Amino acid sequence: MERDARAFWIRSPGKGEIRDVVLPEPGAGEVLVRTVCSGVSRGTESIVFRGAVPPNQHAIMRAPFQDGAFPGPVKYGYLNVGVVEHGPPELLGRTVFCLYPHQTRYVVPADAVTPVPAEVPPGRAILAGTVETAVNALWDAAPLVGDRVAVVGAGMIGCSVAGVLAGFPGCDVQLVDTEPSRAGVARALGVGFASPEEAAGGCDLVVHASATEAGLARSLELLAPEGEVVELSWYGDRRVSVPLGEFFHSRRLTIRGSQVGAVPPVRRSRRTFAERVSLALRLLANPAFDTLVTGESPFGDLPRVMPRLASGELPALCHRITY
């Protein structure tokens, strides 16, 4: 059994490197996974790469299999798909998803991996963690049949939310972004597209994922009376202003935070984290989600690719890493 591996570490803010790793011998109830591909969750991982996680969020922001600590050195990531090379017979040889950082091989408890359905290719399955966030947000938002919904911010999270919402019966869904090229992504997902200025108002629900003050303000403007904004943006250490004057009180508007670290109260007693990620993987049987993977690089190039992703020089929704 091969026990040598390599992992991507953030040595210090803005600096990445590949480190050698010697894996432990898998014990009872553990699996050895050989990574096939992983995904860079550009929004969150860029904040981590820049060292912009606020000190009071260091514990909350830890990834499940993170090594090291913020701001660095730290091994961070959570979109990993691989093949089980050693473990229980029912998992041996299976393609699995795991919330593991960028590493060539790794050992984890068997219950930390989720088998990927046969109809979902590994290169798409890396989106499971993002679609899981979308599922959690929509459990929080609880859209109804026929609702008018806007998703403001066509990044990786916003597009995943729009992709899941596209299957809701009778819902009128518009994806809102300042970047005109996102219209093609919206079209592939089967939803409408609008610039912030042209977006239709009177929405029952707005999901905000642009991580900008302007996006949050526009989200409130798009709501119908007694409508709700579900806030998915992660701002890191940036402070944002919220326009609570104007129509906020007279229209009785609501802003609700949603975060994937906890299953919403309405489902908490009936759904586990494992069931949530399994649902996300089933939803990824829809090939429309392929449009969210916008680039690809080999693992060895990550120290050079991450600075470009974090700065925006290399535009991306989800950037796939191959092994």
Foldseek 3Di string as FASTA:
>chain_A
DDQKKWAWWLAAQQFIDIDIDGADDADAQKWKWFWFKAKDQLQVVLCLNRQQADPVCFVVPAFPPKDDTPNDRIFAFFQTWTATCDHDPVRHRFIWTAGGGGMRMYMDGPVRIHGFDPLFDSQLSSLLVLLLLLVLLCVVVVDDAQFEEEEEAPFQNSLSNLLVCLPRHNYQYEYEYQDVVCQVLCVLSNHHYDYLVPDAAQGQEYEYARLAQVSQQSRVVRHAQQHEYEYAYDNRNDDHDHPCPDCCVVSVYYYHYTDSPARDPVCRVPDDPNNSSVVSSVSSSPPSSVVQADEEDEPNCVSVVSSCSSVVVPPHRMYMYGD
